[in-house]
Amino acid sequence: MHLLRLFTTITFLIVFSLQSAAQGKIDQSKEELNKRNKTVKGSQSDQSVHSYKSDEQKSFGEIMFQGVATGLAYLTWYSTIGVYKLEDHLHSNLTKYPYYNNQSGNYESTDSVYNSKLHFRFDLDYHFLYSNKNLIGNYFKCNIRPFQYFYLQGQYHRLTEHNTDHTYSNLSLFNAYFCYDRLRFERFNVGWKAGLCYIADNINRGGFSFGLDGEAFLIKPVSVYISKQWGAINTKPVNQFEVTGKLHLKRYNIHLGYEHLKIASPVYDYVLAGAGVRL
């Protein structure tokens, strides 16, 4: 009888360990994203403790709040949007493509002798992602630039993992952003973006996402692009970090870099290689 129990226990542990080993990073991310967090209701705050405040105290508090709020609003506007009357770089023109005039990146100053005044540009990039022989992916990114003041960005990740039980797991991650370059100089640009992230493949959940990115045009025909994004789906992190070196060949470019993803608790590290075009 004891031997039978021992055999049953060992068999259960072996099966459980095999199932755990068969579950890869992608399955773990999807499982965690599907879990609902329990909400704990806290006790209601005792409003009576504030009843002693006098009308004079409330008025003073309101005045202080309005002053602080006004100051923060001005600082927020200046840091995120800028003052077009004082900052000439905010009027920089969008270029046809990086280094089209042998010196400018994504923008050129308004006093440039070339002064292209481009009103629309479409940027399309593809990256192949490689972590190991069992974990690869594809990454598409497009920027729609109607003019120099802002642009729209769409991203699509398709991650694939070969599990130890000879099955495949897939994860599709979508990002859509409104993007604004706060600094628009000929040799570098830095900006922010805000939007949504969404995961398909039986998850079908979305959340808010925002990020920062910048590109430095060091010397023709090379540039370095850096991006950091933070997002959350079902209170779980959906973050991305990317650093890429680009070699520009007129309207085309080839690139090599590194991407780090955190989807729920699993992390994914990839070497990326790809190409792009500016239309």
C-alpha atoms as a PDB file:
ATOM      1  CA  MET A   1       0.000   0.000   0.000  1.00  0.00           C
ATOM      2  CA  HIS A   2       2.828   2.365   0.881  1.00  0.00           C
ATOM      3  CA  LEU A   3       4.604   1.462  -2.356  1.00  0.00           C
ATOM      4  CA  LEU A   4       1.445   2.256  -4.341  1.00  0.00           C
ATOM      5  CA  ARG A   5       1.154   5.681  -2.706  1.00  0.00           C
ATOM      6  CA  LEU A   6       4.833   6.356  -3.317  1.00  0.00           C
ATOM      7  CA  PHE A   7       4.501   5.334  -6.966  1.00  0.00           C
ATOM      8  CA  THR A   8       1.417   7.543  -7.400  1.00  0.00           C
ATOM      9  CA  THR A   9       3.192  10.518  -5.823  1.00  0.00           C
ATOM     10  CA  ILE A  10       6.293  10.111  -7.983  1.00  0.00           C
ATOM     11  CA  THR A  11       4.157   9.745 -11.119  1.00  0.00           C
ATOM     12  CA  PHE A  12       2.224  12.921 -10.272  1.00  0.00           C
ATOM     13  CA  LEU A  13       5.429  14.884  -9.684  1.00  0.00           C
ATOM     14  CA  ILE A  14       6.923  13.703 -12.977  1.00  0.00           C
ATOM     15  CA  VAL A  15       3.801  14.633 -14.948  1.00  0.00           C
ATOM     16  CA  PHE A  16       3.575  18.010 -13.209  1.00  0.00           C
ATOM     17  CA  SER A  17       7.237  18.779 -13.879  1.00  0.00           C
ATOM     18  CA  LEU A  18       6.873  17.837 -17.530  1.00  0.00           C
ATOM     19  CA  GLN A  19       3.857  20.105 -17.907  1.00  0.00           C
ATOM     20  CA  SER A  20       5.694  22.967 -16.198  1.00  0.00           C
ATOM     21  CA  ALA A  21       8.732  22.461 -18.414  1.00  0.00           C
ATOM     22  CA  ALA A  22       6.530  22.321 -21.498  1.00  0.00           C
ATOM     23  CA  GLN A  23       5.043  25.691 -20.631  1.00  0.00           C
ATOM     24  CA  GLY A  24       7.258  28.368 -22.129  1.00  0.00           C
ATOM     25  CA  LYS A  25       7.528  32.100 -21.606  1.00  0.00           C
ATOM     26  CA  ILE A  26       4.717  32.952 -24.003  1.00  0.00           C
ATOM     27  CA  ASP A  27       2.239  30.598 -22.353  1.00  0.00           C
ATOM     28  CA  GLN A  28       3.226  31.970 -18.956  1.00  0.00           C
ATOM     29  CA  SER A  29       2.699  35.577 -20.118  1.00  0.00           C
ATOM     30  CA  LYS A  30      -0.716  34.711 -21.539  1.00  0.00           C
ATOM     31  CA  GLU A  31      -1.755  32.840 -18.415  1.00  0.00           C
ATOM     32  CA  GLU A  32      -0.787  35.739 -16.141  1.00  0.00           C
ATOM     33  CA  LEU A  33      -2.491  38.318 -18.353  1.00  0.00           C
ATOM     34  CA  ASN A  34      -5.732  36.350 -18.148  1.00  0.00           C
ATOM     35  CA  LYS A  35      -5.747  36.246 -14.352  1.00  0.00           C
ATOM     36  CA  ARG A  36      -7.981  38.700 -12.568  1.00  0.00           C
ATOM     37  CA  ASN A  37      -6.600  40.434  -9.527  1.00  0.00           C
ATOM     38  CA  LYS A  38      -8.724  40.364  -6.407  1.00  0.00           C
ATOM     39  CA  THR A  39      -9.816  43.771  -5.258  1.00  0.00           C
ATOM     40  CA  VAL A  40      -9.845  44.366  -1.561  1.00  0.00           C
ATOM     41  CA  LYS A  41     -12.352  46.906  -0.289  1.00  0.00           C
ATOM     42  CA  GLY A  42     -10.885  49.157   2.291  1.00  0.00           C
ATOM     43  CA  SER A  43     -12.844  50.663   5.135  1.00  0.00           C
ATOM     44  CA  GLN A  44     -14.540  53.927   4.463  1.00  0.00           C
ATOM     45  CA  SER A  45     -12.586  56.938   5.654  1.00  0.00           C
ATOM     46  CA  ASP A  46     -13.986  58.882   8.504  1.00  0.00           C
ATOM     47  CA  GLN A  47     -15.081  62.143   6.952  1.00  0.00           C
ATOM     48  CA  SER A  48     -15.808  63.693  10.318  1.00  0.00           C
ATOM     49  CA  VAL A  49     -12.113  64.285  11.036  1.00  0.00           C
ATOM     50  CA  HIS A  50     -12.179  67.071   8.453  1.00  0.00           C
ATOM     51  CA  SER A  51     -15.267  68.780   9.812  1.00  0.00           C
ATOM     52  CA  TYR A  52     -13.225  71.066  12.027  1.00  0.00           C
ATOM     53  CA  LYS A  53     -11.799  72.994   9.079  1.00  0.00           C
ATOM     54  CA  SER A  54     -12.976  76.554   8.987  1.00  0.00           C
ATOM     55  CA  ASP A  55     -14.120  78.440   5.910  1.00  0.00           C
ATOM     56  CA  GLU A  56     -10.950  80.571   6.077  1.00  0.00           C
ATOM     57  CA  GLN A  57      -8.757  77.470   6.013  1.00  0.00           C
ATOM     58  CA  LYS A  58     -10.659  76.075   3.034  1.00  0.00           C
ATOM     59  CA  SER A  59     -10.333  79.341   1.136  1.00  0.00           C
ATOM     60  CA  PHE A  60      -6.598  79.509   1.785  1.00  0.00           C
ATOM     61  CA  GLY A  61      -6.262  75.886   0.668  1.00  0.00           C
ATOM     62  CA  GLU A  62      -8.163  76.607  -2.525  1.00  0.00           C
ATOM     63  CA  ILE A  63      -5.927  79.583  -3.304  1.00  0.00           C
ATOM     64  CA  MET A  64      -2.794  77.517  -2.727  1.00  0.00           C
ATOM     65  CA  PHE A  65      -4.164  74.680  -4.850  1.00  0.00           C
ATOM     66  CA  GLN A  66      -4.991  77.018  -7.730  1.00  0.00           C
ATOM     67  CA  GLY A  67      -1.536  78.537  -7.623  1.00  0.00           C
ATOM     68  CA  VAL A  68       0.232  75.193  -7.559  1.00  0.00           C
ATOM     69  CA  ALA A  69      -2.046  73.804 -10.270  1.00  0.00           C
ATOM     70  CA  THR A  70      -1.340  76.791 -12.530  1.00  0.00           C
ATOM     71  CA  GLY A  71       2.398  76.410 -12.049  1.00  0.00           C
ATOM     72  CA  LEU A  72       2.314  72.690 -12.737  1.00  0.00           C
ATOM     73  CA  ALA A  73       0.155  73.228 -15.819  1.00  0.00           C
ATOM     74  CA  TYR A  74       2.682  75.719 -17.197  1.00  0.00           C
ATOM     75  CA  LEU A  75       5.628  73.431 -16.465  1.00  0.00           C
ATOM     76  CA  THR A  76       3.805  70.450 -17.976  1.00  0.00           C
ATOM     77  CA  TRP A  77       2.941  72.387 -21.128  1.00  0.00           C
ATOM     78  CA  TYR A  78       6.494  73.711 -21.476  1.00  0.00           C
ATOM     79  CA  SER A  79       8.119  70.313 -20.912  1.00  0.00           C
ATOM     80  CA  THR A  80       5.804  68.334 -23.188  1.00  0.00           C
ATOM     81  CA  ILE A  81       4.781  70.835 -25.897  1.00  0.00           C
ATOM     82  CA  GLY A  82       7.175  73.788 -25.747  1.00  0.00           C
ATOM     83  CA  VAL A  83       6.839  77.463 -26.592  1.00  0.00           C
ATOM     84  CA  TYR A  84       6.844  77.982 -30.342  1.00  0.00           C
ATOM     85  CA  LYS A  85       7.501  81.722 -30.016  1.00  0.00           C
ATOM     86  CA  LEU A  86      10.771  81.108 -28.153  1.00  0.00           C
ATOM     87  CA  GLU A  87      12.115  77.813 -29.536  1.00  0.00           C
ATOM     88  CA  ASP A  88      13.133  77.945 -33.187  1.00  0.00           C
ATOM     89  CA  HIS A  89      13.807  74.195 -33.395  1.00  0.00           C
ATOM     90  CA  LEU A  90      10.066  73.501 -33.005  1.00  0.00           C
ATOM     91  CA  HIS A  91       9.583  74.963 -36.487  1.00  0.00           C
ATOM     92  CA  SER A  92      12.160  72.668 -38.110  1.00  0.00           C
ATOM     93  CA  ASN A  93      11.006  71.084 -41.342  1.00  0.00           C
ATOM     94  CA  LEU A  94      10.540  67.366 -41.865  1.00  0.00           C
ATOM     95  CA  THR A  95      13.109  65.917 -44.280  1.00  0.00           C
ATOM     96  CA  LYS A  96      12.414  63.622 -47.223  1.00  0.00           C
ATOM     97  CA  TYR A  97      14.606  61.006 -45.572  1.00  0.00           C
ATOM     98  CA  PRO A  98      17.643  61.116 -43.235  1.00  0.00           C
ATOM     99  CA  TYR A  99      20.838  62.509 -44.785  1.00  0.00           C
ATOM    100  CA  TYR A 100      19.075  63.477 -48.005  1.00  0.00           C
ATOM    101  CA  ASN A 101      21.175  66.655 -47.919  1.00  0.00           C
ATOM    102  CA  ASN A 102      24.228  64.900 -46.383  1.00  0.00           C
ATOM    103  CA  GLN A 103      23.751  66.513 -42.959  1.00  0.00           C
ATOM    104  CA  SER A 104      20.160  66.521 -41.637  1.00  0.00           C
ATOM    105  CA  GLY A 105      18.364  63.693 -39.833  1.00  0.00           C
ATOM    106  CA  ASN A 106      14.591  63.645 -39.540  1.00  0.00           C
ATOM    107  CA  TYR A 107      14.451  67.455 -39.360  1.00  0.00           C
ATOM    108  CA  GLU A 108      16.249  70.427 -40.878  1.00  0.00           C
ATOM    109  CA  SER A 109      16.263  74.008 -39.634  1.00  0.00           C
ATOM    110  CA  THR A 110      14.044  76.581 -41.296  1.00  0.00           C
ATOM    111  CA  ASP A 111      17.080  78.583 -42.457  1.00  0.00           C
ATOM    112  CA  SER A 112      18.572  75.609 -44.287  1.00  0.00           C
ATOM    113  CA  VAL A 113      19.551  76.303 -47.900  1.00  0.00           C
ATOM    114  CA  TYR A 114      17.674  73.153 -48.907  1.00  0.00           C
ATOM    115  CA  ASN A 115      14.427  73.892 -47.021  1.00  0.00           C
ATOM    116  CA  SER A 116      12.412  70.970 -48.404  1.00  0.00           C
ATOM    117  CA  LYS A 117       9.161  71.774 -46.501  1.00  0.00           C
ATOM    118  CA  LEU A 118       7.917  68.211 -46.853  1.00  0.00           C
ATOM    119  CA  HIS A 119       4.261  67.875 -45.843  1.00  0.00           C
ATOM    120  CA  PHE A 120       3.962  64.078 -45.613  1.00  0.00           C
ATOM    121  CA  ARG A 121       6.238  61.096 -44.970  1.00  0.00           C
ATOM    122  CA  PHE A 122       5.583  57.416 -44.416  1.00  0.00           C
ATOM    123  CA  ASP A 123       8.206  55.355 -42.529  1.00  0.00           C
ATOM    124  CA  LEU A 124       8.043  51.565 -42.615  1.00  0.00           C
ATOM    125  CA  ASP A 125      10.433  49.229 -40.735  1.00  0.00           C
ATOM    126  CA  TYR A 126      10.677  45.464 -40.326  1.00  0.00           C
ATOM    127  CA  HIS A 127      12.735  43.630 -37.675  1.00  0.00           C
ATOM    128  CA  PHE A 128      13.447  39.930 -37.341  1.00  0.00           C
ATOM    129  CA  LEU A 129      13.800  39.018 -33.648  1.00  0.00           C
ATOM    130  CA  TYR A 130      16.057  36.196 -32.460  1.00  0.00           C
ATOM    131  CA  SER A 131      16.532  35.058 -28.863  1.00  0.00           C
ATOM    132  CA  ASN A 132      17.391  31.383 -29.387  1.00  0.00           C
ATOM    133  CA  LYS A 133      16.403  28.593 -31.759  1.00  0.00           C
ATOM    134  CA  ASN A 134      13.119  28.136 -29.871  1.00  0.00           C
ATOM    135  CA  LEU A 135      12.162  31.796 -29.405  1.00  0.00           C
ATOM    136  CA  ILE A 136      11.922  34.127 -32.398  1.00  0.00           C
ATOM    137  CA  GLY A 137       9.635  36.876 -33.630  1.00  0.00           C
ATOM    138  CA  ASN A 138       8.699  39.464 -36.225  1.00  0.00           C
ATOM    139  CA  TYR A 139       8.307  43.169 -35.502  1.00  0.00           C
ATOM    140  CA  PHE A 140       6.705  45.703 -37.862  1.00  0.00           C
ATOM    141  CA  LYS A 141       6.614  49.441 -37.218  1.00  0.00           C
ATOM    142  CA  CYS A 142       5.187  52.310 -39.265  1.00  0.00           C
ATOM    143  CA  ASN A 143       5.161  56.077 -38.743  1.00  0.00           C
ATOM    144  CA  ILE A 144       2.670  58.299 -40.522  1.00  0.00           C
ATOM    145  CA  ARG A 145       4.003  61.860 -40.549  1.00  0.00           C
ATOM    146  CA  PRO A 146       1.463  64.327 -42.001  1.00  0.00           C
ATOM    147  CA  PHE A 147       3.865  67.214 -41.202  1.00  0.00           C
ATOM    148  CA  GLN A 148       6.607  68.104 -38.740  1.00  0.00           C
ATOM    149  CA  TYR A 149       4.422  68.789 -35.704  1.00  0.00           C
ATOM    150  CA  PHE A 150       3.378  65.266 -34.733  1.00  0.00           C
ATOM    151  CA  TYR A 151       3.063  61.762 -36.153  1.00  0.00           C
ATOM    152  CA  LEU A 152       1.162  58.524 -35.629  1.00  0.00           C
ATOM    153  CA  GLN A 153       2.929  55.235 -34.913  1.00  0.00           C
ATOM    154  CA  GLY A 154       1.745  51.647 -35.168  1.00  0.00           C
ATOM    155  CA  GLN A 155       3.654  48.572 -33.943  1.00  0.00           C
ATOM    156  CA  TYR A 156       3.005  44.877 -34.335  1.00  0.00           C
ATOM    157  CA  HIS A 157       4.967  42.089 -32.607  1.00  0.00           C
ATOM    158  CA  ARG A 158       4.403  38.452 -33.505  1.00  0.00           C
ATOM    159  CA  LEU A 159       6.326  36.263 -31.058  1.00  0.00           C
ATOM    160  CA  THR A 160       6.694  32.499 -31.579  1.00  0.00           C
ATOM    161  CA  GLU A 161       8.055  29.879 -29.191  1.00  0.00           C
ATOM    162  CA  HIS A 162       8.787  26.191 -29.784  1.00  0.00           C
ATOM    163  CA  ASN A 163       7.875  24.375 -26.560  1.00  0.00           C
ATOM    164  CA  THR A 164       9.553  21.258 -25.210  1.00  0.00           C
ATOM    165  CA  ASP A 165       6.450  19.183 -25.928  1.00  0.00           C
ATOM    166  CA  HIS A 166       6.893  19.968 -29.656  1.00  0.00           C
ATOM    167  CA  THR A 167       4.004  22.464 -29.765  1.00  0.00           C
ATOM    168  CA  TYR A 168       4.168  26.131 -30.766  1.00  0.00           C
ATOM    169  CA  SER A 169       2.891  29.148 -28.834  1.00  0.00           C
ATOM    170  CA  ASN A 170       2.238  32.551 -30.367  1.00  0.00           C
ATOM    171  CA  LEU A 171       1.609  36.010 -29.014  1.00  0.00           C
ATOM    172  CA  SER A 172       0.491  39.074 -30.987  1.00  0.00           C
ATOM    173  CA  LEU A 173       1.142  42.482 -29.441  1.00  0.00           C
ATOM    174  CA  PHE A 174      -0.244  45.672 -31.001  1.00  0.00           C
ATOM    175  CA  ASN A 175       0.677  49.258 -30.079  1.00  0.00           C
ATOM    176  CA  ALA A 176      -0.836  52.487 -31.414  1.00  0.00           C
ATOM    177  CA  TYR A 177       0.586  55.883 -30.446  1.00  0.00           C
ATOM    178  CA  PHE A 178       0.190  59.607 -30.892  1.00  0.00           C
ATOM    179  CA  CYS A 179       3.794  60.868 -31.046  1.00  0.00           C
ATOM    180  CA  TYR A 180       5.328  64.295 -30.530  1.00  0.00           C
ATOM    181  CA  ASP A 181       8.994  65.231 -30.918  1.00  0.00           C
ATOM    182  CA  ARG A 182       9.746  67.781 -28.199  1.00  0.00           C
ATOM    183  CA  LEU A 183      13.244  68.484 -29.572  1.00  0.00           C
ATOM    184  CA  ARG A 184      13.647  68.740 -33.360  1.00  0.00           C
ATOM    185  CA  PHE A 185      17.238  69.433 -34.261  1.00  0.00           C
ATOM    186  CA  GLU A 186      19.109  68.436 -37.383  1.00  0.00           C
ATOM    187  CA  ARG A 187      21.406  66.022 -35.576  1.00  0.00           C
ATOM    188  CA  PHE A 188      18.960  64.570 -33.062  1.00  0.00           C
ATOM    189  CA  ASN A 189      15.315  64.484 -32.073  1.00  0.00           C
ATOM    190  CA  VAL A 190      13.701  63.443 -28.781  1.00  0.00           C
ATOM    191  CA  GLY A 191      10.013  63.005 -28.046  1.00  0.00           C
ATOM    192  CA  TRP A 192       7.193  61.251 -26.240  1.00  0.00           C
ATOM    193  CA  LYS A 193       4.267  59.095 -27.278  1.00  0.00           C
ATOM    194  CA  ALA A 194       1.010  58.000 -25.691  1.00  0.00           C
ATOM    195  CA  GLY A 195      -1.563  55.468 -26.781  1.00  0.00           C
ATOM    196  CA  LEU A 196      -2.795  51.915 -26.347  1.00  0.00           C
ATOM    197  CA  CYS A 197      -1.406  48.388 -26.256  1.00  0.00           C
ATOM    198  CA  TYR A 198      -3.426  45.273 -27.075  1.00  0.00           C
ATOM    199  CA  ILE A 199      -2.712  41.535 -27.005  1.00  0.00           C
ATOM    200  CA  ALA A 200      -4.725  39.079 -29.135  1.00  0.00           C
ATOM    201  CA  ASP A 201      -4.402  35.247 -29.218  1.00  0.00           C
ATOM    202  CA  ASN A 202      -7.246  34.464 -26.805  1.00  0.00           C
ATOM    203  CA  ILE A 203      -6.181  37.249 -24.447  1.00  0.00           C
ATOM    204  CA  ASN A 204      -8.072  40.024 -26.228  1.00  0.00           C
ATOM    205  CA  ARG A 205      -7.208  42.676 -23.670  1.00  0.00           C
ATOM    206  CA  GLY A 206      -5.850  46.168 -23.985  1.00  0.00           C
ATOM    207  CA  GLY A 207      -4.460  48.946 -21.840  1.00  0.00           C
ATOM    208  CA  PHE A 208      -2.758  52.334 -21.775  1.00  0.00           C
ATOM    209  CA  SER A 209       0.830  52.730 -22.943  1.00  0.00           C
ATOM    210  CA  PHE A 210       3.285  55.606 -23.180  1.00  0.00           C
ATOM    211  CA  GLY A 211       6.941  56.039 -23.982  1.00  0.00           C
ATOM    212  CA  LEU A 212       9.979  58.124 -24.862  1.00  0.00           C
ATOM    213  CA  ASP A 213      12.234  57.833 -27.876  1.00  0.00           C
ATOM    214  CA  GLY A 214      15.000  59.627 -29.658  1.00  0.00           C
ATOM    215  CA  GLU A 215      17.367  59.319 -32.592  1.00  0.00           C
ATOM    216  CA  ALA A 216      20.878  60.747 -32.948  1.00  0.00           C
ATOM    217  CA  PHE A 217      22.466  61.208 -36.371  1.00  0.00           C
ATOM    218  CA  LEU A 218      26.118  60.910 -35.491  1.00  0.00           C
ATOM    219  CA  ILE A 219      27.837  60.913 -38.876  1.00  0.00           C
ATOM    220  CA  LYS A 220      26.594  60.136 -42.349  1.00  0.00           C
ATOM    221  CA  PRO A 221      25.187  57.533 -42.971  1.00  0.00           C
ATOM    222  CA  VAL A 222      24.793  56.268 -39.368  1.00  0.00           C
ATOM    223  CA  SER A 223      22.192  56.947 -36.677  1.00  0.00           C
ATOM    224  CA  VAL A 224      21.287  55.448 -33.284  1.00  0.00           C
ATOM    225  CA  TYR A 225      17.656  55.031 -32.227  1.00  0.00           C
ATOM    226  CA  ILE A 226      16.567  54.446 -28.590  1.00  0.00           C
ATOM    227  CA  SER A 227      13.016  53.799 -27.374  1.00  0.00           C
ATOM    228  CA  LYS A 228      11.455  52.954 -24.010  1.00  0.00           C
ATOM    229  CA  GLN A 229       7.769  52.112 -23.589  1.00  0.00           C
ATOM    230  CA  TRP A 230       5.661  51.379 -20.514  1.00  0.00           C
ATOM    231  CA  GLY A 231       2.241  49.782 -20.654  1.00  0.00           C
ATOM    232  CA  ALA A 232      -0.142  47.651 -18.619  1.00  0.00           C
ATOM    233  CA  ILE A 233      -2.825  45.097 -19.422  1.00  0.00           C
ATOM    234  CA  ASN A 234      -4.962  43.750 -16.583  1.00  0.00           C
ATOM    235  CA  THR A 235      -2.504  45.481 -14.174  1.00  0.00           C
ATOM    236  CA  LYS A 236       0.388  43.415 -15.630  1.00  0.00           C
ATOM    237  CA  PRO A 237       3.350  45.224 -17.238  1.00  0.00           C
ATOM    238  CA  VAL A 238       3.773  45.281 -21.002  1.00  0.00           C
ATOM    239  CA  ASN A 239       7.081  47.111 -21.426  1.00  0.00           C
ATOM    240  CA  GLN A 240       9.608  47.469 -24.213  1.00  0.00           C
ATOM    241  CA  PHE A 241      13.152  48.785 -24.601  1.00  0.00           C
ATOM    242  CA  GLU A 242      14.906  49.059 -27.956  1.00  0.00           C
ATOM    243  CA  VAL A 243      18.287  50.346 -29.111  1.00  0.00           C
ATOM    244  CA  THR A 244      19.098  50.137 -32.806  1.00  0.00           C
ATOM    245  CA  GLY A 245      21.925  51.258 -35.044  1.00  0.00           C
ATOM    246  CA  LYS A 246      20.881  52.245 -38.565  1.00  0.00           C
ATOM    247  CA  LEU A 247      22.785  52.543 -41.812  1.00  0.00           C
ATOM    248  CA  HIS A 248      20.973  54.928 -44.184  1.00  0.00           C
ATOM    249  CA  LEU A 249      21.141  54.380 -47.937  1.00  0.00           C
ATOM    250  CA  LYS A 250      19.061  57.209 -49.380  1.00  0.00           C
ATOM    251  CA  ARG A 251      15.400  56.301 -48.780  1.00  0.00           C
ATOM    252  CA  TYR A 252      16.331  52.852 -47.437  1.00  0.00           C
ATOM    253  CA  ASN A 253      18.057  51.757 -44.266  1.00  0.00           C
ATOM    254  CA  ILE A 254      19.317  48.563 -42.695  1.00  0.00           C
ATOM    255  CA  HIS A 255      19.625  48.120 -38.951  1.00  0.00           C
ATOM    256  CA  LEU A 256      20.930  45.929 -36.191  1.00  0.00           C
ATOM    257  CA  GLY A 257      20.073  46.191 -32.513  1.00  0.00           C
ATOM    258  CA  TYR A 258      18.631  44.808 -29.299  1.00  0.00           C
ATOM    259  CA  GLU A 259      15.104  44.610 -27.905  1.00  0.00           C
ATOM    260  CA  HIS A 260      13.942  43.772 -24.394  1.00  0.00           C
ATOM    261  CA  LEU A 261      10.286  42.958 -23.691  1.00  0.00           C
ATOM    262  CA  LYS A 262       8.560  42.359 -20.367  1.00  0.00           C
ATOM    263  CA  ILE A 263       5.082  40.884 -20.747  1.00  0.00           C
ATOM    264  CA  ALA A 264       3.642  40.100 -17.305  1.00  0.00           C
ATOM    265  CA  SER A 265       6.530  38.515 -15.325  1.00  0.00           C
ATOM    266  CA  PRO A 266       8.451  36.798 -18.210  1.00  0.00           C
ATOM    267  CA  VAL A 267      11.139  38.829 -19.962  1.00  0.00           C
ATOM    268  CA  TYR A 268      12.258  38.441 -23.580  1.00  0.00           C
ATOM    269  CA  ASP A 269      15.659  39.491 -24.929  1.00  0.00           C
ATOM    270  CA  TYR A 270      16.174  39.594 -28.682  1.00  0.00           C
ATOM    271  CA  VAL A 271      18.796  40.531 -31.191  1.00  0.00           C
ATOM    272  CA  LEU A 272      17.034  42.351 -34.025  1.00  0.00           C
ATOM    273  CA  ALA A 273      17.995  42.824 -37.651  1.00  0.00           C
ATOM    274  CA  GLY A 274      15.938  44.383 -40.405  1.00  0.00           C
ATOM    275  CA  ALA A 275      15.400  47.088 -42.987  1.00  0.00           C
ATOM    276  CA  GLY A 276      13.219  50.095 -43.601  1.00  0.00           C
ATOM    277  CA  VAL A 277      12.095  52.608 -46.190  1.00  0.00           C
ATOM    278  CA  ARG A 278      11.065  56.272 -46.066  1.00  0.00           C
ATOM    279  CA  LEU A 279       8.373  57.255 -48.588  1.00  0.00           C
END
